Amino acid sequence: MFTTQKSSEAMQAGLQGSLSSIEIAGAVIAQADTTVTPAKVKNITIHIKTAVGKAAP
């Protein structure tokens, strides 16, 4: 039982360390397809980064 409990605690500690929140880190860019009428968005690029010091939800 002791080994199982320690393994579970180690796994939980590892999961807590790997969780993080993200935030937008720059521009949000939409590229249009102008070959059709009306023009439509064909690609959206969002630059993100991990948010330092924020708890995961």
Protein backbone atom coordinates (compact mmCIF):
# COMPACT_ATOMS: atom_id res chain seq x y z
CA MET A 1 0.00 0.00 0.00
CA PHE A 2 2.82 2.42 0.86
CA THR A 3 4.47 2.03 -2.57
CA THR A 4 1.16 2.58 -4.36
CA GLN A 5 0.46 5.72 -2.32
CA LYS A 6 3.94 7.14 -3.01
CA SER A 7 3.57 6.38 -6.72
CA SER A 8 0.22 8.16 -6.79
CA GLU A 9 1.67 11.19 -4.99
CA ALA A 10 4.58 11.36 -7.42
CA MET A 11 2.24 11.15 -10.39
CA GLN A 12 0.00 13.92 -9.00
CA ALA A 13 3.04 16.16 -8.36
CA GLY A 14 4.19 15.61 -11.94
CA LEU A 15 0.77 16.49 -13.33
CA GLN A 16 0.58 19.66 -11.27
CA GLY A 17 3.98 20.71 -12.58
CA SER A 18 2.98 20.13 -16.19
CA LEU A 19 -0.26 22.13 -16.10
CA SER A 20 -0.12 25.78 -17.14
CA SER A 21 -2.29 28.44 -18.63
CA ILE A 22 -1.68 30.09 -21.98
CA GLU A 23 -2.08 33.64 -23.19
CA ILE A 24 -1.94 35.45 -26.52
CA ALA A 25 1.63 36.53 -27.27
CA GLY A 26 1.27 38.83 -30.23
CA ALA A 27 -0.93 39.45 -33.19
CA VAL A 28 -3.94 37.43 -34.25
CA ILE A 29 -3.74 37.23 -38.04
CA ALA A 30 -6.56 36.28 -40.41
CA GLN A 31 -5.75 35.55 -44.05
CA ALA A 32 -8.48 35.87 -46.65
CA ASP A 33 -9.25 33.87 -49.75
CA THR A 34 -10.09 36.61 -52.23
CA THR A 35 -10.57 34.23 -55.15
CA VAL A 36 -14.19 33.70 -54.10
CA THR A 37 -17.02 36.19 -53.73
CA PRO A 38 -17.61 37.13 -51.02
CA ALA A 39 -14.05 36.76 -49.66
CA LYS A 40 -13.70 34.22 -46.86
CA VAL A 41 -11.18 33.71 -44.07
CA LYS A 42 -8.98 30.74 -44.98
CA ASN A 43 -6.43 30.78 -42.16
CA ILE A 44 -6.16 32.23 -38.66
CA THR A 45 -2.81 32.38 -36.86
CA ILE A 46 -2.71 32.99 -33.09
CA HIS A 47 0.66 33.30 -31.36
CA ILE A 48 0.50 31.93 -27.80
CA LYS A 49 2.83 31.40 -24.86
CA THR A 50 2.59 29.86 -21.44
CA ALA A 51 1.42 32.30 -18.81
CA VAL A 52 4.01 32.58 -16.06
CA GLY A 53 2.65 32.53 -12.52
CA LYS A 54 -0.93 31.67 -13.40
CA ALA A 55 -2.68 28.65 -11.98
CA ALA A 56 -4.33 26.24 -14.33
CA PRO A 57 -8.15 26.34 -14.37
